[in-house]
Amino acid sequence: MGGGTRIKILEAMAWGVPVIATPLAVEGLGLIDSEEVLLSESNEDLARLAVELCLDRVRMASLRARAYDGAWSRFGPEAIRDAVRQGLGDADRGRFQAASR
């Protein structure tokens, strides 16, 4: 059972901090296991993933970069702006752009 928001995960990713978590912790974010985050169900596997990641600088750098890119491209200000514009529909797009200037 889990609750709350996933903001802490997105904040970590946006700062380029690798995220190692359970699938429940990232549920609904659409993150890609082994590319943007490392996922496991058990405490032992979560600890193992953390140790392995600390020992593999290349994988650490890759995970950090993909996490950062994924967070900003899907949840950053531009993504939010585009989602709002899409929600308002094409007819309102020009009016929204003029009002935001």
PDB file of N, CA and C in Angstrom:
ATOM      1  N   MET A   1       0.851  -1.178   0.000  1.00  0.00           N
ATOM      2  CA  MET A   1       0.000   0.000   0.000  1.00  0.00           C
ATOM      3  C   MET A   1       0.895   1.238   0.000  1.00  0.00           C
ATOM      4  N   GLY A   2       0.527   2.231  -0.764  1.00  0.00           N
ATOM      5  CA  GLY A   2       1.314   3.456  -0.824  1.00  0.00           C
ATOM      6  C   GLY A   2       0.398   4.640  -0.996  1.00  0.00           C
ATOM      7  N   GLY A   3       0.899   5.789  -0.708  1.00  0.00           N
ATOM      8  CA  GLY A   3       0.082   6.988  -0.855  1.00  0.00           C
ATOM      9  C   GLY A   3       0.966   8.197  -1.061  1.00  0.00           C
ATOM     10  N   GLY A   4       0.331   9.304  -1.261  1.00  0.00           N
ATOM     11  CA  GLY A   4       1.064  10.546  -1.446  1.00  0.00           C
ATOM     12  C   GLY A   4       1.396  10.793  -2.903  1.00  0.00           C
ATOM     13  N   THR A   5       2.188  11.816  -3.113  1.00  0.00           N
ATOM     14  CA  THR A   5       2.558  12.189  -4.472  1.00  0.00           C
ATOM     15  C   THR A   5       3.916  11.613  -4.836  1.00  0.00           C
ATOM     16  N   ARG A   6       4.226  11.698  -6.080  1.00  0.00           N
ATOM     17  CA  ARG A   6       5.500  11.194  -6.579  1.00  0.00           C
ATOM     18  C   ARG A   6       6.497  12.342  -6.786  1.00  0.00           C
ATOM     19  N   ILE A   7       6.221  13.475  -6.158  1.00  0.00           N
ATOM     20  CA  ILE A   7       7.051  14.656  -6.372  1.00  0.00           C
ATOM     21  C   ILE A   7       8.507  14.412  -5.987  1.00  0.00           C
ATOM     22  N   LYS A   8       8.766  13.720  -4.892  1.00  0.00           N
ATOM     23  CA  LYS A   8      10.145  13.489  -4.458  1.00  0.00           C
ATOM     24  C   LYS A   8      10.938  12.737  -5.520  1.00  0.00           C
ATOM     25  N   ILE A   9      10.302  11.795  -6.178  1.00  0.00           N
ATOM     26  CA  ILE A   9      10.972  11.033  -7.235  1.00  0.00           C
ATOM     27  C   ILE A   9      11.295  11.943  -8.409  1.00  0.00           C
ATOM     28  N   LEU A  10      10.329  12.754  -8.818  1.00  0.00           N
ATOM     29  CA  LEU A  10      10.556  13.669  -9.932  1.00  0.00           C
ATOM     30  C   LEU A  10      11.602  14.726  -9.592  1.00  0.00           C
ATOM     31  N   GLU A  11      11.595  15.209  -8.356  1.00  0.00           N
ATOM     32  CA  GLU A  11      12.614  16.177  -7.944  1.00  0.00           C
ATOM     33  C   GLU A  11      14.005  15.562  -8.006  1.00  0.00           C
ATOM     34  N   ALA A  12      14.138  14.357  -7.508  1.00  0.00           N
ATOM     35  CA  ALA A  12      15.445  13.689  -7.557  1.00  0.00           C
ATOM     36  C   ALA A  12      15.904  13.540  -8.999  1.00  0.00           C
ATOM     37  N   MET A  13      15.016  13.068  -9.852  1.00  0.00           N
ATOM     38  CA  MET A  13      15.373  12.889 -11.255  1.00  0.00           C
ATOM     39  C   MET A  13      15.758  14.212 -11.910  1.00  0.00           C
ATOM     40  N   ALA A  14      15.014  15.276 -11.605  1.00  0.00           N
ATOM     41  CA  ALA A  14      15.284  16.586 -12.197  1.00  0.00           C
ATOM     42  C   ALA A  14      16.642  17.135 -11.764  1.00  0.00           C
ATOM     43  N   TRP A  15      17.127  16.697 -10.619  1.00  0.00           N
ATOM     44  CA  TRP A  15      18.456  17.087 -10.145  1.00  0.00           C
ATOM     45  C   TRP A  15      19.537  16.118 -10.613  1.00  0.00           C
ATOM     46  N   GLY A  16      19.143  15.077 -11.336  1.00  0.00           N
ATOM     47  CA  GLY A  16      20.107  14.097 -11.818  1.00  0.00           C
ATOM     48  C   GLY A  16      20.514  13.091 -10.755  1.00  0.00           C
ATOM     49  N   VAL A  17      19.670  12.901  -9.758  1.00  0.00           N
ATOM     50  CA  VAL A  17      19.944  11.921  -8.709  1.00  0.00           C
ATOM     51  C   VAL A  17      19.306  10.598  -9.110  1.00  0.00           C
ATOM     52  N   PRO A  18      20.066   9.532  -9.169  1.00  0.00           N
ATOM     53  CA  PRO A  18      19.498   8.233  -9.545  1.00  0.00           C
ATOM     54  C   PRO A  18      18.418   7.791  -8.546  1.00  0.00           C
ATOM     55  N   VAL A  19      17.370   7.200  -9.073  1.00  0.00           N
ATOM     56  CA  VAL A  19      16.268   6.729  -8.242  1.00  0.00           C
ATOM     57  C   VAL A  19      16.231   5.205  -8.274  1.00  0.00           C
ATOM     58  N   ILE A  20      16.249   4.629  -7.091  1.00  0.00           N
ATOM     59  CA  ILE A  20      16.090   3.188  -6.910  1.00  0.00           C
ATOM     60  C   ILE A  20      14.870   3.033  -6.029  1.00  0.00           C
ATOM     61  N   ALA A  21      13.843   2.357  -6.532  1.00  0.00           N
ATOM     62  CA  ALA A  21      12.567   2.336  -5.827  1.00  0.00           C
ATOM     63  C   ALA A  21      11.780   1.074  -6.150  1.00  0.00           C
ATOM     64  N   THR A  22      10.645   0.950  -5.492  1.00  0.00           N
ATOM     65  CA  THR A  22       9.712  -0.132  -5.810  1.00  0.00           C
ATOM     66  C   THR A  22       8.807   0.318  -6.945  1.00  0.00           C
ATOM     67  N   PRO A  23       8.223  -0.603  -7.675  1.00  0.00           N
ATOM     68  CA  PRO A  23       7.277  -0.222  -8.730  1.00  0.00           C
ATOM     69  C   PRO A  23       6.115   0.610  -8.192  1.00  0.00           C
ATOM     70  N   LEU A  24       5.666   0.322  -6.981  1.00  0.00           N
ATOM     71  CA  LEU A  24       4.575   1.090  -6.396  1.00  0.00           C
ATOM     72  C   LEU A  24       4.965   2.549  -6.196  1.00  0.00           C
ATOM     73  N   ALA A  25       6.212   2.792  -5.832  1.00  0.00           N
ATOM     74  CA  ALA A  25       6.674   4.157  -5.581  1.00  0.00           C
ATOM     75  C   ALA A  25       6.625   5.034  -6.823  1.00  0.00           C
ATOM     76  N   VAL A  26       6.783   4.441  -8.004  1.00  0.00           N
ATOM     77  CA  VAL A  26       6.801   5.220  -9.248  1.00  0.00           C
ATOM     78  C   VAL A  26       5.543   5.000 -10.087  1.00  0.00           C
ATOM     79  N   GLU A  27       4.587   4.319  -9.513  1.00  0.00           N
ATOM     80  CA  GLU A  27       3.357   3.991 -10.237  1.00  0.00           C
ATOM     81  C   GLU A  27       2.711   5.247 -10.815  1.00  0.00           C
ATOM     82  N   GLY A  28       2.325   5.160 -12.068  1.00  0.00           N
ATOM     83  CA  GLY A  28       1.638   6.258 -12.725  1.00  0.00           C
ATOM     84  C   GLY A  28       2.544   7.277 -13.384  1.00  0.00           C
ATOM     85  N   LEU A  29       3.841   7.183 -13.188  1.00  0.00           N
ATOM     86  CA  LEU A  29       4.762   8.150 -13.782  1.00  0.00           C
ATOM     87  C   LEU A  29       5.250   7.729 -15.163  1.00  0.00           C
ATOM     88  N   GLY A  30       5.061   6.478 -15.513  1.00  0.00           N
ATOM     89  CA  GLY A  30       5.482   6.001 -16.822  1.00  0.00           C
ATOM     90  C   GLY A  30       6.984   5.945 -16.995  1.00  0.00           C
ATOM     91  N   LEU A  31       7.710   5.737 -15.911  1.00  0.00           N
ATOM     92  CA  LEU A  31       9.169   5.685 -15.981  1.00  0.00           C
ATOM     93  C   LEU A  31       9.636   4.323 -16.483  1.00  0.00           C
ATOM     94  N   ILE A  32      10.782   4.319 -17.141  1.00  0.00           N
ATOM     95  CA  ILE A  32      11.302   3.105 -17.755  1.00  0.00           C
ATOM     96  C   ILE A  32      12.345   2.472 -16.843  1.00  0.00           C
ATOM     97  N   ASP A  33      12.041   1.250 -16.381  1.00  0.00           N
ATOM     98  CA  ASP A  33      12.947   0.516 -15.506  1.00  0.00           C
ATOM     99  C   ASP A  33      14.264   0.244 -16.215  1.00  0.00           C
ATOM    100  N   SER A  34      15.346   0.388 -15.499  1.00  0.00           N
ATOM    101  CA  SER A  34      16.719   0.169 -15.957  1.00  0.00           C
ATOM    102  C   SER A  34      17.205   1.232 -16.926  1.00  0.00           C
ATOM    103  N   GLU A  35      16.370   2.213 -17.238  1.00  0.00           N
ATOM    104  CA  GLU A  35      16.803   3.333 -18.069  1.00  0.00           C
ATOM    105  C   GLU A  35      16.709   4.646 -17.308  1.00  0.00           C
ATOM    106  N   GLU A  36      15.540   4.920 -16.714  1.00  0.00           N
ATOM    107  CA  GLU A  36      15.342   6.159 -15.964  1.00  0.00           C
ATOM    108  C   GLU A  36      15.368   5.919 -14.454  1.00  0.00           C
ATOM    109  N   VAL A  37      14.992   4.735 -14.036  1.00  0.00           N
ATOM    110  CA  VAL A  37      14.980   4.336 -12.627  1.00  0.00           C
ATOM    111  C   VAL A  37      15.400   2.874 -12.531  1.00  0.00           C
ATOM    112  N   LEU A  38      15.745   2.452 -11.327  1.00  0.00           N
ATOM    113  CA  LEU A  38      15.995   1.038 -11.074  1.00  0.00           C
ATOM    114  C   LEU A  38      14.910   0.573 -10.112  1.00  0.00           C
ATOM    115  N   LEU A  39      14.221  -0.496 -10.482  1.00  0.00           N
ATOM    116  CA  LEU A  39      13.078  -0.956  -9.699  1.00  0.00           C
ATOM    117  C   LEU A  39      13.272  -2.369  -9.182  1.00  0.00           C
ATOM    118  N   SER A  40      12.749  -2.597  -7.978  1.00  0.00           N
ATOM    119  CA  SER A  40      12.716  -3.926  -7.399  1.00  0.00           C
ATOM    120  C   SER A  40      11.670  -3.949  -6.291  1.00  0.00           C
ATOM    121  N   GLU A  41      11.183  -5.138  -6.004  1.00  0.00           N
ATOM    122  CA  GLU A  41      10.161  -5.304  -4.964  1.00  0.00           C
ATOM    123  C   GLU A  41      10.739  -5.502  -3.573  1.00  0.00           C
ATOM    124  N   SER A  42      11.916  -6.113  -3.473  1.00  0.00           N
ATOM    125  CA  SER A  42      12.425  -6.492  -2.149  1.00  0.00           C
ATOM    126  C   SER A  42      13.492  -5.523  -1.651  1.00  0.00           C
ATOM    127  N   ASN A  43      13.572  -5.403  -0.345  1.00  0.00           N
ATOM    128  CA  ASN A  43      14.597  -4.555   0.268  1.00  0.00           C
ATOM    129  C   ASN A  43      16.004  -5.026  -0.096  1.00  0.00           C
ATOM    130  N   GLU A  44      16.195  -6.343  -0.138  1.00  0.00           N
ATOM    131  CA  GLU A  44      17.503  -6.892  -0.463  1.00  0.00           C
ATOM    132  C   GLU A  44      17.919  -6.503  -1.880  1.00  0.00           C
ATOM    133  N   ASP A  45      16.992  -6.607  -2.823  1.00  0.00           N
ATOM    134  CA  ASP A  45      17.309  -6.243  -4.202  1.00  0.00           C
ATOM    135  C   ASP A  45      17.519  -4.737  -4.357  1.00  0.00           C
ATOM    136  N   LEU A  46      16.765  -3.938  -3.623  1.00  0.00           N
ATOM    137  CA  LEU A  46      16.964  -2.483  -3.671  1.00  0.00           C
ATOM    138  C   LEU A  46      18.373  -2.138  -3.184  1.00  0.00           C
ATOM    139  N   ALA A  47      18.803  -2.777  -2.086  1.00  0.00           N
ATOM    140  CA  ALA A  47      20.154  -2.546  -1.560  1.00  0.00           C
ATOM    141  C   ALA A  47      21.211  -3.020  -2.554  1.00  0.00           C
ATOM    142  N   ARG A  48      20.991  -4.184  -3.155  1.00  0.00           N
ATOM    143  CA  ARG A  48      21.935  -4.716  -4.142  1.00  0.00           C
ATOM    144  C   ARG A  48      22.061  -3.763  -5.324  1.00  0.00           C
ATOM    145  N   LEU A  49      20.940  -3.241  -5.816  1.00  0.00           N
ATOM    146  CA  LEU A  49      20.963  -2.300  -6.933  1.00  0.00           C
ATOM    147  C   LEU A  49      21.747  -1.041  -6.573  1.00  0.00           C
ATOM    148  N   ALA A  50      21.581  -0.566  -5.348  1.00  0.00           N
ATOM    149  CA  ALA A  50      22.295   0.635  -4.913  1.00  0.00           C
ATOM    150  C   ALA A  50      23.802   0.391  -4.891  1.00  0.00           C
ATOM    151  N   VAL A  51      24.211  -0.734  -4.351  1.00  0.00           N
ATOM    152  CA  VAL A  51      25.638  -1.060  -4.289  1.00  0.00           C
ATOM    153  C   VAL A  51      26.207  -1.212  -5.696  1.00  0.00           C
ATOM    154  N   GLU A  52      25.516  -1.962  -6.538  1.00  0.00           N
ATOM    155  CA  GLU A  52      25.983  -2.164  -7.912  1.00  0.00           C
ATOM    156  C   GLU A  52      26.111  -0.840  -8.651  1.00  0.00           C
ATOM    157  N   LEU A  53      25.143   0.049  -8.456  1.00  0.00           N
ATOM    158  CA  LEU A  53      25.181   1.335  -9.139  1.00  0.00           C
ATOM    159  C   LEU A  53      26.361   2.178  -8.662  1.00  0.00           C
ATOM    160  N   CYS A  54      26.628   2.162  -7.376  1.00  0.00           N
ATOM    161  CA  CYS A  54      27.758   2.916  -6.835  1.00  0.00           C
ATOM    162  C   CYS A  54      29.091   2.405  -7.367  1.00  0.00           C
ATOM    163  N   LEU A  55      29.164   1.151  -7.711  1.00  0.00           N
ATOM    164  CA  LEU A  55      30.403   0.556  -8.210  1.00  0.00           C
ATOM    165  C   LEU A  55      30.575   0.698  -9.723  1.00  0.00           C
ATOM    166  N   ASP A  56      29.549   1.128 -10.413  1.00  0.00           N
ATOM    167  CA  ASP A  56      29.579   1.226 -11.876  1.00  0.00           C
ATOM    168  C   ASP A  56      29.365   2.683 -12.291  1.00  0.00           C
ATOM    169  N   ARG A  57      30.461   3.425 -12.410  1.00  0.00           N
ATOM    170  CA  ARG A  57      30.373   4.861 -12.713  1.00  0.00           C
ATOM    171  C   ARG A  57      29.737   5.148 -14.071  1.00  0.00           C
ATOM    172  N   VAL A  58      29.964   4.299 -15.033  1.00  0.00           N
ATOM    173  CA  VAL A  58      29.384   4.507 -16.365  1.00  0.00           C
ATOM    174  C   VAL A  58      27.862   4.362 -16.296  1.00  0.00           C
ATOM    175  N   ARG A  59      27.406   3.310 -15.644  1.00  0.00           N
ATOM    176  CA  ARG A  59      25.960   3.110 -15.498  1.00  0.00           C
ATOM    177  C   ARG A  59      25.348   4.238 -14.669  1.00  0.00           C
ATOM    178  N   MET A  60      26.044   4.676 -13.632  1.00  0.00           N
ATOM    179  CA  MET A  60      25.566   5.782 -12.804  1.00  0.00           C
ATOM    180  C   MET A  60      25.380   7.035 -13.651  1.00  0.00           C
ATOM    181  N   ALA A  61      26.363   7.373 -14.455  1.00  0.00           N
ATOM    182  CA  ALA A  61      26.279   8.567 -15.294  1.00  0.00           C
ATOM    183  C   ALA A  61      25.141   8.449 -16.297  1.00  0.00           C
ATOM    184  N   SER A  62      24.986   7.280 -16.878  1.00  0.00           N
ATOM    185  CA  SER A  62      23.923   7.055 -17.851  1.00  0.00           C
ATOM    186  C   SER A  62      22.550   7.180 -17.208  1.00  0.00           C
ATOM    187  N   LEU A  63      22.377   6.564 -16.046  1.00  0.00           N
ATOM    188  CA  LEU A  63      21.097   6.632 -15.341  1.00  0.00           C
ATOM    189  C   LEU A  63      20.784   8.064 -14.930  1.00  0.00           C
ATOM    190  N   ARG A  64      21.782   8.777 -14.455  1.00  0.00           N
ATOM    191  CA  ARG A  64      21.575  10.176 -14.056  1.00  0.00           C
ATOM    192  C   ARG A  64      21.113  11.018 -15.247  1.00  0.00           C
ATOM    193  N   ALA A  65      21.771  10.851 -16.383  1.00  0.00           N
ATOM    194  CA  ALA A  65      21.425  11.640 -17.569  1.00  0.00           C
ATOM    195  C   ALA A  65      20.025  11.303 -18.072  1.00  0.00           C
ATOM    196  N   ARG A  66      19.696  10.019 -18.130  1.00  0.00           N
ATOM    197  CA  ARG A  66      18.367   9.623 -18.621  1.00  0.00           C
ATOM    198  C   ARG A  66      17.273  10.038 -17.645  1.00  0.00           C
ATOM    199  N   ALA A  67      17.544   9.963 -16.353  1.00  0.00           N
ATOM    200  CA  ALA A  67      16.566  10.402 -15.359  1.00  0.00           C
ATOM    201  C   ALA A  67      16.303  11.900 -15.503  1.00  0.00           C
ATOM    202  N   TYR A  68      17.374  12.662 -15.619  1.00  0.00           N
ATOM    203  CA  TYR A  68      17.262  14.114 -15.786  1.00  0.00           C
ATOM    204  C   TYR A  68      16.452  14.458 -17.039  1.00  0.00           C
ATOM    205  N   ASP A  69      16.848  13.868 -18.153  1.00  0.00           N
ATOM    206  CA  ASP A  69      16.144  14.136 -19.414  1.00  0.00           C
ATOM    207  C   ASP A  69      14.672  13.726 -19.336  1.00  0.00           C
ATOM    208  N   GLY A  70      14.408  12.565 -18.758  1.00  0.00           N
ATOM    209  CA  GLY A  70      13.033  12.085 -18.652  1.00  0.00           C
ATOM    210  C   GLY A  70      12.169  12.981 -17.789  1.00  0.00           C
ATOM    211  N   ALA A  71      12.711  13.434 -16.670  1.00  0.00           N
ATOM    212  CA  ALA A  71      11.940  14.303 -15.771  1.00  0.00           C
ATOM    213  C   ALA A  71      11.600  15.624 -16.445  1.00  0.00           C
ATOM    214  N   TRP A  72      12.592  16.261 -17.053  1.00  0.00           N
ATOM    215  CA  TRP A  72      12.352  17.562 -17.665  1.00  0.00           C
ATOM    216  C   TRP A  72      11.498  17.470 -18.924  1.00  0.00           C
ATOM    217  N   SER A  73      11.700  16.426 -19.724  1.00  0.00           N
ATOM    218  CA  SER A  73      10.931  16.344 -20.974  1.00  0.00           C
ATOM    219  C   SER A  73       9.463  16.008 -20.725  1.00  0.00           C
ATOM    220  N   ARG A  74       9.167  15.217 -19.688  1.00  0.00           N
ATOM    221  CA  ARG A  74       7.778  14.819 -19.445  1.00  0.00           C
ATOM    222  C   ARG A  74       7.074  15.612 -18.359  1.00  0.00           C
ATOM    223  N   PHE A  75       7.836  16.217 -17.429  1.00  0.00           N
ATOM    224  CA  PHE A  75       7.206  16.873 -16.289  1.00  0.00           C
ATOM    225  C   PHE A  75       7.705  18.291 -16.051  1.00  0.00           C
ATOM    226  N   GLY A  76       8.593  18.789 -16.881  1.00  0.00           N
ATOM    227  CA  GLY A  76       9.131  20.140 -16.722  1.00  0.00           C
ATOM    228  C   GLY A  76       8.154  21.206 -17.187  1.00  0.00           C
ATOM    229  N   PRO A  77       8.526  22.472 -17.045  1.00  0.00           N
ATOM    230  CA  PRO A  77       7.636  23.587 -17.393  1.00  0.00           C
ATOM    231  C   PRO A  77       7.114  23.557 -18.831  1.00  0.00           C
ATOM    232  N   GLU A  78       7.976  23.220 -19.773  1.00  0.00           N
ATOM    233  CA  GLU A  78       7.522  23.176 -21.165  1.00  0.00           C
ATOM    234  C   GLU A  78       6.499  22.074 -21.382  1.00  0.00           C
ATOM    235  N   ALA A  79       6.707  20.926 -20.750  1.00  0.00           N
ATOM    236  CA  ALA A  79       5.748  19.824 -20.878  1.00  0.00           C
ATOM    237  C   ALA A  79       4.413  20.202 -20.255  1.00  0.00           C
ATOM    238  N   ILE A  80       4.460  20.885 -19.121  1.00  0.00           N
ATOM    239  CA  ILE A  80       3.220  21.322 -18.473  1.00  0.00           C
ATOM    240  C   ILE A  80       2.510  22.355 -19.339  1.00  0.00           C
ATOM    241  N   ARG A  81       3.266  23.311 -19.872  1.00  0.00           N
ATOM    242  CA  ARG A  81       2.682  24.317 -20.759  1.00  0.00           C
ATOM    243  C   ARG A  81       1.998  23.664 -21.956  1.00  0.00           C
ATOM    244  N   ASP A  82       2.684  22.710 -22.572  1.00  0.00           N
ATOM    245  CA  ASP A  82       2.118  22.039 -23.737  1.00  0.00           C
ATOM    246  C   ASP A  82       0.860  21.255 -23.377  1.00  0.00           C
ATOM    247  N   ALA A  83       0.848  20.623 -22.209  1.00  0.00           N
ATOM    248  CA  ALA A  83      -0.331  19.875 -21.772  1.00  0.00           C
ATOM    249  C   ALA A  83      -1.504  20.807 -21.520  1.00  0.00           C
ATOM    250  N   VAL A  84      -1.242  21.962 -20.933  1.00  0.00           N
ATOM    251  CA  VAL A  84      -2.314  22.942 -20.696  1.00  0.00           C
ATOM    252  C   VAL A  84      -2.852  23.450 -22.021  1.00  0.00           C
ATOM    253  N   ARG A  85      -1.960  23.770 -22.928  1.00  0.00           N
ATOM    254  CA  ARG A  85      -2.402  24.242 -24.249  1.00  0.00           C
ATOM    255  C   ARG A  85      -3.250  23.195 -24.956  1.00  0.00           C
ATOM    256  N   GLN A  86      -2.810  21.953 -24.879  1.00  0.00           N
ATOM    257  CA  GLN A  86      -3.574  20.877 -25.502  1.00  0.00           C
ATOM    258  C   GLN A  86      -4.942  20.751 -24.844  1.00  0.00           C
ATOM    259  N   GLY A  87      -4.993  20.883 -23.542  1.00  0.00           N
ATOM    260  CA  GLY A  87      -6.263  20.809 -22.823  1.00  0.00           C
ATOM    261  C   GLY A  87      -7.199  21.936 -23.176  1.00  0.00           C
ATOM    262  N   LEU A  88      -6.632  23.102 -23.477  1.00  0.00           N
ATOM    263  CA  LEU A  88      -7.462  24.246 -23.859  1.00  0.00           C
ATOM    264  C   LEU A  88      -7.953  24.133 -25.297  1.00  0.00           C
ATOM    265  N   GLY A  89      -7.291  23.338 -26.092  1.00  0.00           N
ATOM    266  CA  GLY A  89      -7.681  23.167 -27.488  1.00  0.00           C
ATOM    267  C   GLY A  89      -7.000  24.175 -28.384  1.00  0.00           C
ATOM    268  N   ASP A  90      -6.942  23.848 -29.671  1.00  0.00           N
ATOM    269  CA  ASP A  90      -6.254  24.710 -30.641  1.00  0.00           C
ATOM    270  C   ASP A  90      -6.881  26.093 -30.745  1.00  0.00           C
ATOM    271  N   ALA A  91      -8.192  26.208 -30.577  1.00  0.00           N
ATOM    272  CA  ALA A  91      -8.862  27.502 -30.712  1.00  0.00           C
ATOM    273  C   ALA A  91      -8.385  28.492 -29.661  1.00  0.00           C
ATOM    274  N   ASP A  92      -8.039  27.997 -28.485  1.00  0.00           N
ATOM    275  CA  ASP A  92      -7.611  28.879 -27.406  1.00  0.00           C
ATOM    276  C   ASP A  92      -6.098  29.099 -27.378  1.00  0.00           C
ATOM    277  N   ARG A  93      -5.360  28.391 -28.209  1.00  0.00           N
ATOM    278  CA  ARG A  93      -3.900  28.455 -28.164  1.00  0.00           C
ATOM    279  C   ARG A  93      -3.374  29.869 -28.412  1.00  0.00           C
ATOM    280  N   GLY A  94      -3.857  30.529 -29.437  1.00  0.00           N
ATOM    281  CA  GLY A  94      -3.390  31.875 -29.749  1.00  0.00           C
ATOM    282  C   GLY A  94      -3.703  32.852 -28.631  1.00  0.00           C
ATOM    283  N   ARG A  95      -4.896  32.775 -28.065  1.00  0.00           N
ATOM    284  CA  ARG A  95      -5.274  33.656 -26.985  1.00  0.00           C
ATOM    285  C   ARG A  95      -4.396  33.408 -25.762  1.00  0.00           C
ATOM    286  N   PHE A  96      -4.094  32.127 -25.483  1.00  0.00           N
ATOM    287  CA  PHE A  96      -3.259  31.759 -24.335  1.00  0.00           C
ATOM    288  C   PHE A  96      -1.849  32.307 -24.527  1.00  0.00           C
ATOM    289  N   GLN A  97      -1.314  32.198 -25.741  1.00  0.00           N
ATOM    290  CA  GLN A  97       0.027  32.677 -26.004  1.00  0.00           C
ATOM    291  C   GLN A  97       0.092  34.200 -25.826  1.00  0.00           C
ATOM    292  N   ALA A  98      -0.919  34.907 -26.317  1.00  0.00           N
ATOM    293  CA  ALA A  98      -0.927  36.357 -26.205  1.00  0.00           C
ATOM    294  C   ALA A  98      -1.030  36.792 -24.748  1.00  0.00           C
ATOM    295  N   ALA A  99      -1.814  36.088 -23.956  1.00  0.00           N
ATOM    296  CA  ALA A  99      -2.001  36.449 -22.550  1.00  0.00           C
ATOM    297  C   ALA A  99      -0.767  36.145 -21.723  1.00  0.00           C
ATOM    298  N   SER A 100       0.044  35.188 -22.149  1.00  0.00           N
ATOM    299  CA  SER A 100       1.208  34.818 -21.352  1.00  0.00           C
ATOM    300  C   SER A 100       2.415  35.694 -21.634  1.00  0.00           C
ATOM    301  N   ARG A 101       2.330  36.564 -22.591  1.00  0.00           N
ATOM    302  CA  ARG A 101       3.475  37.450 -22.930  1.00  0.00           C
ATOM    303  C   ARG A 101       3.544  38.637 -22.052  1.00  0.00           C
TER     304      ARG A 101
END
